[in-house]
PDB file of N, CA and C in Angstrom:
ATOM      1  N   MET A   1       0.844  -1.179   0.000  1.00  0.00           N
ATOM      2  CA  MET A   1       0.000   0.000   0.000  1.00  0.00           C
ATOM      3  C   MET A   1       0.888   1.239   0.000  1.00  0.00           C
ATOM      4  N   PRO A   2       0.630   2.193  -0.882  1.00  0.00           N
ATOM      5  CA  PRO A   2       1.427   3.427  -0.889  1.00  0.00           C
ATOM      6  C   PRO A   2       1.287   4.190   0.426  1.00  0.00           C
ATOM      7  N   ILE A   3       2.346   4.901   0.758  1.00  0.00           N
ATOM      8  CA  ILE A   3       2.345   5.708   1.974  1.00  0.00           C
ATOM      9  C   ILE A   3       2.683   7.155   1.643  1.00  0.00           C
ATOM     10  N   VAL A   4       2.237   8.039   2.517  1.00  0.00           N
ATOM     11  CA  VAL A   4       2.594   9.451   2.462  1.00  0.00           C
ATOM     12  C   VAL A   4       3.560   9.687   3.614  1.00  0.00           C
ATOM     13  N   VAL A   5       4.668  10.356   3.318  1.00  0.00           N
ATOM     14  CA  VAL A   5       5.653  10.687   4.342  1.00  0.00           C
ATOM     15  C   VAL A   5       5.670  12.199   4.480  1.00  0.00           C
ATOM     16  N   GLN A   6       5.330  12.662   5.668  1.00  0.00           N
ATOM     17  CA  GLN A   6       5.273  14.091   5.965  1.00  0.00           C
ATOM     18  C   GLN A   6       6.445  14.407   6.896  1.00  0.00           C
ATOM     19  N   MET A   7       7.338  15.314   6.448  1.00  0.00           N
ATOM     20  CA  MET A   7       8.522  15.639   7.236  1.00  0.00           C
ATOM     21  C   MET A   7       8.600  17.130   7.527  1.00  0.00           C
ATOM     22  N   HIS A   8       9.125  17.454   8.691  1.00  0.00           N
ATOM     23  CA  HIS A   8       9.408  18.834   9.064  1.00  0.00           C
ATOM     24  C   HIS A   8      10.804  18.845   9.662  1.00  0.00           C
ATOM     25  N   TRP A   9      11.667  19.688   9.114  1.00  0.00           N
ATOM     26  CA  TRP A   9      13.050  19.755   9.565  1.00  0.00           C
ATOM     27  C   TRP A   9      13.331  21.216   9.889  1.00  0.00           C
ATOM     28  N   ALA A  10      13.156  21.597  11.147  1.00  0.00           N
ATOM     29  CA  ALA A  10      13.242  23.002  11.561  1.00  0.00           C
ATOM     30  C   ALA A  10      14.612  23.616  11.291  1.00  0.00           C
ATOM     31  N   GLU A  11      15.679  22.841  11.438  1.00  0.00           N
ATOM     32  CA  GLU A  11      17.025  23.392  11.320  1.00  0.00           C
ATOM     33  C   GLU A  11      17.573  23.392   9.898  1.00  0.00           C
ATOM     34  N   SER A  12      16.896  22.800   8.951  1.00  0.00           N
ATOM     35  CA  SER A  12      17.439  22.654   7.610  1.00  0.00           C
ATOM     36  C   SER A  12      17.364  23.956   6.823  1.00  0.00           C
ATOM     37  N   ALA A  13      18.484  24.326   6.231  1.00  0.00           N
ATOM     38  CA  ALA A  13      18.554  25.500   5.368  1.00  0.00           C
ATOM     39  C   ALA A  13      18.483  25.059   3.910  1.00  0.00           C
ATOM     40  N   LYS A  14      18.020  25.951   3.057  1.00  0.00           N
ATOM     41  CA  LYS A  14      17.905  25.622   1.628  1.00  0.00           C
ATOM     42  C   LYS A  14      19.245  25.193   1.042  1.00  0.00           C
ATOM     43  N   GLU A  15      20.323  25.830   1.480  1.00  0.00           N
ATOM     44  CA  GLU A  15      21.645  25.505   0.935  1.00  0.00           C
ATOM     45  C   GLU A  15      22.038  24.053   1.247  1.00  0.00           C
ATOM     46  N   ARG A  16      21.699  23.576   2.455  1.00  0.00           N
ATOM     47  CA  ARG A  16      22.020  22.199   2.827  1.00  0.00           C
ATOM     48  C   ARG A  16      21.140  21.222   2.055  1.00  0.00           C
ATOM     49  N   TYR A  17      19.877  21.574   1.870  1.00  0.00           N
ATOM     50  CA  TYR A  17      18.972  20.735   1.075  1.00  0.00           C
ATOM     51  C   TYR A  17      19.510  20.614  -0.349  1.00  0.00           C
ATOM     52  N   GLU A  18      19.897  21.737  -0.950  1.00  0.00           N
ATOM     53  CA  GLU A  18      20.404  21.712  -2.330  1.00  0.00           C
ATOM     54  C   GLU A  18      21.698  20.919  -2.435  1.00  0.00           C
ATOM     55  N   ALA A  19      22.567  21.016  -1.422  1.00  0.00           N
ATOM     56  CA  ALA A  19      23.795  20.221  -1.424  1.00  0.00           C
ATOM     57  C   ALA A  19      23.471  18.729  -1.348  1.00  0.00           C
ATOM     58  N   ALA A  20      22.504  18.359  -0.496  1.00  0.00           N
ATOM     59  CA  ALA A  20      22.097  16.952  -0.386  1.00  0.00           C
ATOM     60  C   ALA A  20      21.444  16.484  -1.684  1.00  0.00           C
ATOM     61  N   ARG A  21      20.625  17.325  -2.261  1.00  0.00           N
ATOM     62  CA  ARG A  21      19.950  16.992  -3.528  1.00  0.00           C
ATOM     63  C   ARG A  21      20.972  16.693  -4.622  1.00  0.00           C
ATOM     64  N   LYS A  22      22.014  17.516  -4.695  1.00  0.00           N
ATOM     65  CA  LYS A  22      23.066  17.304  -5.693  1.00  0.00           C
ATOM     66  C   LYS A  22      23.861  16.029  -5.395  1.00  0.00           C
ATOM     67  N   GLN A  23      24.183  15.797  -4.127  1.00  0.00           N
ATOM     68  CA  GLN A  23      24.971  14.636  -3.734  1.00  0.00           C
ATOM     69  C   GLN A  23      24.206  13.330  -3.957  1.00  0.00           C
ATOM     70  N   VAL A  24      22.951  13.287  -3.550  1.00  0.00           N
ATOM     71  CA  VAL A  24      22.145  12.058  -3.632  1.00  0.00           C
ATOM     72  C   VAL A  24      21.585  11.868  -5.037  1.00  0.00           C
ATOM     73  N   ASN A  25      21.367  12.967  -5.738  1.00  0.00           N
ATOM     74  CA  ASN A  25      20.923  12.941  -7.137  1.00  0.00           C
ATOM     75  C   ASN A  25      19.551  12.283  -7.299  1.00  0.00           C
ATOM     76  N   TRP A  26      18.636  12.589  -6.388  1.00  0.00           N
ATOM     77  CA  TRP A  26      17.308  11.973  -6.457  1.00  0.00           C
ATOM     78  C   TRP A  26      16.461  12.526  -7.594  1.00  0.00           C
ATOM     79  N   ASP A  27      16.875  13.656  -8.184  1.00  0.00           N
ATOM     80  CA  ASP A  27      16.117  14.219  -9.308  1.00  0.00           C
ATOM     81  C   ASP A  27      16.237  13.387 -10.577  1.00  0.00           C
ATOM     82  N   THR A  28      17.404  12.781 -10.793  1.00  0.00           N
ATOM     83  CA  THR A  28      17.621  12.055 -12.044  1.00  0.00           C
ATOM     84  C   THR A  28      17.835  10.559 -11.848  1.00  0.00           C
ATOM     85  N   GLU A  29      18.150  10.127 -10.639  1.00  0.00           N
ATOM     86  CA  GLU A  29      18.297   8.701 -10.342  1.00  0.00           C
ATOM     87  C   GLU A  29      17.148   8.292  -9.439  1.00  0.00           C
ATOM     88  N   LYS A  30      16.056   7.894 -10.054  1.00  0.00           N
ATOM     89  CA  LYS A  30      14.837   7.585  -9.308  1.00  0.00           C
ATOM     90  C   LYS A  30      15.081   6.529  -8.246  1.00  0.00           C
ATOM     91  N   ALA A  31      14.580   6.816  -7.068  1.00  0.00           N
ATOM     92  CA  ALA A  31      14.659   5.850  -5.974  1.00  0.00           C
ATOM     93  C   ALA A  31      13.605   4.771  -6.186  1.00  0.00           C
ATOM     94  N   GLU A  32      13.988   3.522  -5.953  1.00  0.00           N
ATOM     95  CA  GLU A  32      13.036   2.425  -6.073  1.00  0.00           C
ATOM     96  C   GLU A  32      11.868   2.658  -5.119  1.00  0.00           C
ATOM     97  N   GLY A  33      10.667   2.685  -5.670  1.00  0.00           N
ATOM     98  CA  GLY A  33       9.470   2.875  -4.853  1.00  0.00           C
ATOM     99  C   GLY A  33       9.065   4.325  -4.658  1.00  0.00           C
ATOM    100  N   GLY A  34       9.918   5.258  -5.054  1.00  0.00           N
ATOM    101  CA  GLY A  34       9.580   6.667  -4.914  1.00  0.00           C
ATOM    102  C   GLY A  34       8.552   7.089  -5.960  1.00  0.00           C
ATOM    103  N   ILE A  35       7.528   7.807  -5.533  1.00  0.00           N
ATOM    104  CA  ILE A  35       6.462   8.241  -6.437  1.00  0.00           C
ATOM    105  C   ILE A  35       6.437   9.756  -6.593  1.00  0.00           C
ATOM    106  N   PHE A  36       6.585  10.475  -5.476  1.00  0.00           N
ATOM    107  CA  PHE A  36       6.400  11.930  -5.506  1.00  0.00           C
ATOM    108  C   PHE A  36       7.207  12.571  -4.394  1.00  0.00           C
ATOM    109  N   HIS A  37       7.774  13.758  -4.673  1.00  0.00           N
ATOM    110  CA  HIS A  37       8.529  14.514  -3.662  1.00  0.00           C
ATOM    111  C   HIS A  37       8.306  15.997  -3.902  1.00  0.00           C
ATOM    112  N   VAL A  38       8.009  16.723  -2.846  1.00  0.00           N
ATOM    113  CA  VAL A  38       7.936  18.181  -2.915  1.00  0.00           C
ATOM    114  C   VAL A  38       8.497  18.730  -1.605  1.00  0.00           C
ATOM    115  N   SER A  39       9.215  19.848  -1.708  1.00  0.00           N
ATOM    116  CA  SER A  39       9.761  20.488  -0.509  1.00  0.00           C
ATOM    117  C   SER A  39       9.442  21.976  -0.552  1.00  0.00           C
ATOM    118  N   TRP A  40       9.354  22.581   0.654  1.00  0.00           N
ATOM    119  CA  TRP A  40       9.142  24.020   0.761  1.00  0.00           C
ATOM    120  C   TRP A  40       9.589  24.486   2.135  1.00  0.00           C
ATOM    121  N   TRP A  41       9.791  25.795   2.248  1.00  0.00           N
ATOM    122  CA  TRP A  41      10.215  26.391   3.508  1.00  0.00           C
ATOM    123  C   TRP A  41       9.163  27.370   3.987  1.00  0.00           C
ATOM    124  N   GLU A  42       8.984  27.375   5.298  1.00  0.00           N
ATOM    125  CA  GLU A  42       8.143  28.354   5.969  1.00  0.00           C
ATOM    126  C   GLU A  42       8.946  28.910   7.137  1.00  0.00           C
ATOM    127  N   ASP A  43       8.361  29.773   7.909  1.00  0.00           N
ATOM    128  CA  ASP A  43       9.075  30.376   9.041  1.00  0.00           C
ATOM    129  C   ASP A  43       9.597  29.337  10.021  1.00  0.00           C
ATOM    130  N   ASP A  44       8.961  28.182  10.087  1.00  0.00           N
ATOM    131  CA  ASP A  44       9.366  27.146  11.041  1.00  0.00           C
ATOM    132  C   ASP A  44      10.293  26.095  10.435  1.00  0.00           C
ATOM    133  N   GLY A  45      10.823  26.336   9.235  1.00  0.00           N
ATOM    134  CA  GLY A  45      11.796  25.427   8.642  1.00  0.00           C
ATOM    135  C   GLY A  45      11.319  24.752   7.372  1.00  0.00           C
ATOM    136  N   MET A  46      11.997  23.659   7.037  1.00  0.00           N
ATOM    137  CA  MET A  46      11.724  22.919   5.806  1.00  0.00           C
ATOM    138  C   MET A  46      10.608  21.911   6.021  1.00  0.00           C
ATOM    139  N   HIS A  47       9.776  21.782   4.995  1.00  0.00           N
ATOM    140  CA  HIS A  47       8.711  20.789   4.978  1.00  0.00           C
ATOM    141  C   HIS A  47       8.881  19.945   3.718  1.00  0.00           C
ATOM    142  N   ILE A  48       8.617  18.659   3.848  1.00  0.00           N
ATOM    143  CA  ILE A  48       8.700  17.737   2.708  1.00  0.00           C
ATOM    144  C   ILE A  48       7.469  16.849   2.744  1.00  0.00           C
ATOM    145  N   LEU A  49       6.933  16.580   1.568  1.00  0.00           N
ATOM    146  CA  LEU A  49       5.836  15.631   1.428  1.00  0.00           C
ATOM    147  C   LEU A  49       6.226  14.657   0.327  1.00  0.00           C
ATOM    148  N   ASP A  50       6.291  13.391   0.662  1.00  0.00           N
ATOM    149  CA  ASP A  50       6.646  12.336  -0.285  1.00  0.00           C
ATOM    150  C   ASP A  50       5.520  11.322  -0.365  1.00  0.00           C
ATOM    151  N   VAL A  51       5.457  10.637  -1.497  1.00  0.00           N
ATOM    152  CA  VAL A  51       4.612   9.454  -1.650  1.00  0.00           C
ATOM    153  C   VAL A  51       5.539   8.328  -2.112  1.00  0.00           C
ATOM    154  N   TRP A  52       5.438   7.183  -1.422  1.00  0.00           N
ATOM    155  CA  TRP A  52       6.269   6.010  -1.706  1.00  0.00           C
ATOM    156  C   TRP A  52       5.370   4.788  -1.875  1.00  0.00           C
ATOM    157  N   GLU A  53       5.863   3.821  -2.630  1.00  0.00           N
ATOM    158  CA  GLU A  53       5.131   2.560  -2.795  1.00  0.00           C
ATOM    159  C   GLU A  53       4.956   1.841  -1.469  1.00  0.00           C
ATOM    160  N   SER A  54       5.959   1.963  -0.570  1.00  0.00           N
ATOM    161  CA  SER A  54       5.869   1.309   0.744  1.00  0.00           C
ATOM    162  C   SER A  54       6.819   1.999   1.717  1.00  0.00           C
ATOM    163  N   ARG A  55       6.589   1.769   2.980  1.00  0.00           N
ATOM    164  CA  ARG A  55       7.490   2.303   4.013  1.00  0.00           C
ATOM    165  C   ARG A  55       8.879   1.680   3.868  1.00  0.00           C
ATOM    166  N   GLU A  56       8.935   0.417   3.491  1.00  0.00           N
ATOM    167  CA  GLU A  56      10.217  -0.262   3.298  1.00  0.00           C
ATOM    168  C   GLU A  56      11.037   0.423   2.198  1.00  0.00           C
ATOM    169  N   ASP A  57      10.373   0.831   1.106  1.00  0.00           N
ATOM    170  CA  ASP A  57      11.081   1.547   0.038  1.00  0.00           C
ATOM    171  C   ASP A  57      11.657   2.859   0.560  1.00  0.00           C
ATOM    172  N   PHE A  58      10.864   3.600   1.335  1.00  0.00           N
ATOM    173  CA  PHE A  58      11.340   4.855   1.911  1.00  0.00           C
ATOM    174  C   PHE A  58      12.533   4.606   2.830  1.00  0.00           C
ATOM    175  N   GLU A  59      12.414   3.639   3.719  1.00  0.00           N
ATOM    176  CA  GLU A  59      13.485   3.365   4.671  1.00  0.00           C
ATOM    177  C   GLU A  59      14.758   2.878   3.979  1.00  0.00           C
ATOM    178  N   ARG A  60      14.620   2.118   2.902  1.00  0.00           N
ATOM    179  CA  ARG A  60      15.790   1.681   2.138  1.00  0.00           C
ATOM    180  C   ARG A  60      16.486   2.889   1.503  1.00  0.00           C
ATOM    181  N   PHE A  61      15.714   3.801   0.918  1.00  0.00           N
ATOM    182  CA  PHE A  61      16.282   5.016   0.327  1.00  0.00           C
ATOM    183  C   PHE A  61      17.024   5.826   1.389  1.00  0.00           C
ATOM    184  N   VAL A  62      16.414   5.990   2.548  1.00  0.00           N
ATOM    185  CA  VAL A  62      17.041   6.758   3.624  1.00  0.00           C
ATOM    186  C   VAL A  62      18.355   6.100   4.046  1.00  0.00           C
ATOM    187  N   GLY A  63      18.331   4.796   4.258  1.00  0.00           N
ATOM    188  CA  GLY A  63      19.518   4.091   4.735  1.00  0.00           C
ATOM    189  C   GLY A  63      20.627   3.956   3.710  1.00  0.00           C
ATOM    190  N   GLU A  64      20.257   3.703   2.457  1.00  0.00           N
ATOM    191  CA  GLU A  64      21.268   3.414   1.435  1.00  0.00           C
ATOM    192  C   GLU A  64      21.717   4.633   0.645  1.00  0.00           C
ATOM    193  N   ARG A  65      20.875   5.656   0.547  1.00  0.00           N
ATOM    194  CA  ARG A  65      21.245   6.815  -0.286  1.00  0.00           C
ATOM    195  C   ARG A  65      21.215   8.140   0.471  1.00  0.00           C
ATOM    196  N   LEU A  66      20.105   8.425   1.145  1.00  0.00           N
ATOM    197  CA  LEU A  66      19.955   9.747   1.742  1.00  0.00           C
ATOM    198  C   LEU A  66      20.950   9.996   2.874  1.00  0.00           C
ATOM    199  N   MET A  67      20.989   9.124   3.868  1.00  0.00           N
ATOM    200  CA  MET A  67      21.879   9.366   5.004  1.00  0.00           C
ATOM    201  C   MET A  67      23.355   9.340   4.607  1.00  0.00           C
ATOM    202  N   PRO A  68      23.804   8.414   3.751  1.00  0.00           N
ATOM    203  CA  PRO A  68      25.190   8.508   3.296  1.00  0.00           C
ATOM    204  C   PRO A  68      25.464   9.805   2.531  1.00  0.00           C
ATOM    205  N   GLY A  69      24.489  10.274   1.753  1.00  0.00           N
ATOM    206  CA  GLY A  69      24.654  11.530   1.030  1.00  0.00           C
ATOM    207  C   GLY A  69      24.735  12.719   1.966  1.00  0.00           C
ATOM    208  N   ILE A  70      23.893  12.728   2.979  1.00  0.00           N
ATOM    209  CA  ILE A  70      23.929  13.815   3.968  1.00  0.00           C
ATOM    210  C   ILE A  70      25.257  13.787   4.725  1.00  0.00           C
ATOM    211  N   ALA A  71      25.739  12.605   5.065  1.00  0.00           N
ATOM    212  CA  ALA A  71      27.035  12.500   5.743  1.00  0.00           C
ATOM    213  C   ALA A  71      28.154  13.037   4.848  1.00  0.00           C
ATOM    214  N   ALA A  72      28.071  12.760   3.538  1.00  0.00           N
ATOM    215  CA  ALA A  72      29.111  13.198   2.605  1.00  0.00           C
ATOM    216  C   ALA A  72      29.186  14.710   2.473  1.00  0.00           C
ATOM    217  N   ILE A  73      28.085  15.407   2.724  1.00  0.00           N
ATOM    218  CA  ILE A  73      28.112  16.873   2.629  1.00  0.00           C
ATOM    219  C   ILE A  73      28.371  17.526   3.990  1.00  0.00           C
ATOM    220  N   GLY A  74      28.636  16.718   5.003  1.00  0.00           N
ATOM    221  CA  GLY A  74      28.925  17.262   6.319  1.00  0.00           C
ATOM    222  C   GLY A  74      27.732  17.361   7.236  1.00  0.00           C
ATOM    223  N   GLY A  75      26.621  16.751   6.847  1.00  0.00           N
ATOM    224  CA  GLY A  75      25.446  16.692   7.711  1.00  0.00           C
ATOM    225  C   GLY A  75      24.515  17.877   7.582  1.00  0.00           C
ATOM    226  N   ILE A  76      23.371  17.739   8.246  1.00  0.00           N
ATOM    227  CA  ILE A  76      22.364  18.793   8.361  1.00  0.00           C
ATOM    228  C   ILE A  76      22.002  18.861   9.837  1.00  0.00           C
ATOM    229  N   ALA A  77      21.959  20.068  10.373  1.00  0.00           N
ATOM    230  CA  ALA A  77      21.679  20.247  11.801  1.00  0.00           C
ATOM    231  C   ALA A  77      20.303  19.696  12.164  1.00  0.00           C
ATOM    232  N   GLY A  78      20.208  19.145  13.360  1.00  0.00           N
ATOM    233  CA  GLY A  78      18.931  18.698  13.890  1.00  0.00           C
ATOM    234  C   GLY A  78      18.451  17.403  13.281  1.00  0.00           C
ATOM    235  N   GLU A  79      17.255  17.048  13.663  1.00  0.00           N
ATOM    236  CA  GLU A  79      16.599  15.832  13.182  1.00  0.00           C
ATOM    237  C   GLU A  79      15.199  16.192  12.700  1.00  0.00           C
ATOM    238  N   PRO A  80      14.748  15.557  11.623  1.00  0.00           N
ATOM    239  CA  PRO A  80      13.392  15.858  11.153  1.00  0.00           C
ATOM    240  C   PRO A  80      12.340  15.118  11.977  1.00  0.00           C
ATOM    241  N   SER A  81      11.171  15.711  12.074  1.00  0.00           N
ATOM    242  CA  SER A  81      10.023  14.940  12.559  1.00  0.00           C
ATOM    243  C   SER A  81       9.418  14.286  11.330  1.00  0.00           C
ATOM    244  N   ILE A  82       9.045  13.031  11.454  1.00  0.00           N
ATOM    245  CA  ILE A  82       8.523  12.265  10.324  1.00  0.00           C
ATOM    246  C   ILE A  82       7.217  11.615  10.753  1.00  0.00           C
ATOM    247  N   ILE A  83       6.184  11.805   9.937  1.00  0.00           N
ATOM    248  CA  ILE A  83       4.883  11.187  10.177  1.00  0.00           C
ATOM    249  C   ILE A  83       4.519  10.377   8.939  1.00  0.00           C
ATOM    250  N   PHE A  84       4.113   9.142   9.139  1.00  0.00           N
ATOM    251  CA  PHE A  84       3.696   8.261   8.047  1.00  0.00           C
ATOM    252  C   PHE A  84       2.178   8.176   8.019  1.00  0.00           C
ATOM    253  N   HIS A  85       1.625   8.176   6.815  1.00  0.00           N
ATOM    254  CA  HIS A  85       0.187   8.018   6.612  1.00  0.00           C
ATOM    255  C   HIS A  85      -0.025   6.965   5.525  1.00  0.00           C
ATOM    256  N   ASP A  86      -1.039   6.152   5.653  1.00  0.00           N
ATOM    257  CA  ASP A  86      -1.424   5.268   4.558  1.00  0.00           C
ATOM    258  C   ASP A  86      -2.144   6.109   3.513  1.00  0.00           C
ATOM    259  N   ALA A  87      -1.735   5.978   2.264  1.00  0.00           N
ATOM    260  CA  ALA A  87      -2.390   6.722   1.192  1.00  0.00           C
ATOM    261  C   ALA A  87      -3.717   6.048   0.842  1.00  0.00           C
ATOM    262  N   HIS A  88      -4.723   6.837   0.623  1.00  0.00           N
ATOM    263  CA  HIS A  88      -6.001   6.306   0.151  1.00  0.00           C
ATOM    264  C   HIS A  88      -5.976   6.225  -1.371  1.00  0.00           C
ATOM    265  N   ALA A  89      -5.532   7.300  -2.005  1.00  0.00           N
ATOM    266  CA  ALA A  89      -5.454   7.348  -3.470  1.00  0.00           C
ATOM    267  C   ALA A  89      -4.471   8.447  -3.850  1.00  0.00           C
ATOM    268  N   TYR A  90      -3.888   8.324  -5.027  1.00  0.00           N
ATOM    269  CA  TYR A  90      -3.060   9.403  -5.563  1.00  0.00           C
ATOM    270  C   TYR A  90      -3.150   9.373  -7.080  1.00  0.00           C
ATOM    271  N   VAL A  91      -2.911  10.528  -7.670  1.00  0.00           N
ATOM    272  CA  VAL A  91      -2.900  10.669  -9.122  1.00  0.00           C
ATOM    273  C   VAL A  91      -1.587  11.322  -9.491  1.00  0.00           C
ATOM    274  N   SER A  92      -0.858  10.754 -10.414  1.00  0.00           N
ATOM    275  CA  SER A  92       0.394  11.352 -10.877  1.00  0.00           C
ATOM    276  C   SER A  92       0.113  12.214 -12.094  1.00  0.00           C
ATOM    277  N   VAL A  93       0.458  13.473 -11.980  1.00  0.00           N
ATOM    278  CA  VAL A  93       0.276  14.384 -13.117  1.00  0.00           C
ATOM    279  C   VAL A  93       1.632  14.766 -13.703  1.00  0.00           C
ATOM    280  N   ALA A  94       2.652  13.979 -13.414  1.00  0.00           N
ATOM    281  CA  ALA A  94       4.024  14.282 -13.853  1.00  0.00           C
ATOM    282  C   ALA A  94       4.123  14.419 -15.370  1.00  0.00           C
ATOM    283  N   ALA A  95       3.299  13.728 -16.108  1.00  0.00           N
ATOM    284  CA  ALA A  95       3.359  13.817 -17.571  1.00  0.00           C
ATOM    285  C   ALA A  95       2.845  15.171 -18.067  1.00  0.00           C
ATOM    286  N   PHE A  96       2.171  15.914 -17.205  1.00  0.00           N
ATOM    287  CA  PHE A  96       1.564  17.168 -17.625  1.00  0.00           C
ATOM    288  C   PHE A  96       2.400  18.392 -17.271  1.00  0.00           C
ATOM    289  N   ALA A  97       3.161  18.351 -16.171  1.00  0.00           N
ATOM    290  CA  ALA A  97       3.902  19.526 -15.754  1.00  0.00           C
ATOM    291  C   ALA A  97       5.093  19.140 -14.879  1.00  0.00           C
ATOM    292  N   THR A  98       6.180  19.898 -14.973  1.00  0.00           N
ATOM    293  CA  THR A  98       7.317  19.727 -14.091  1.00  0.00           C
ATOM    294  C   THR A  98       7.816  21.098 -13.668  1.00  0.00           C
ATOM    295  N   VAL A  99       8.503  21.124 -12.546  1.00  0.00           N
ATOM    296  CA  VAL A  99       9.087  22.379 -12.044  1.00  0.00           C
ATOM    297  C   VAL A  99      10.571  22.208 -11.949  1.00  0.00           C
TER     298      VAL A  99
END
């Protein structure tokens, strides 16, 4: 069953996110089970919303790619809060628009 991963990382700066994005290369090397990713910043820090095929796929990506990539760039301050939700339904509109 697909899951929604809701993250909030109060200490994360855009520069550290961009460094991790470049190091891990999740934009062009699709993670197995990854469906959707969006990030944004508000006054209280970084927010991320992901959709994954399963929690196991998300945890494998974190363990095998994300955390080693974050370590390679010297880390990111603090720890994110992570909430998992079971997805009821999702629609991919990736064929229609990209940012």
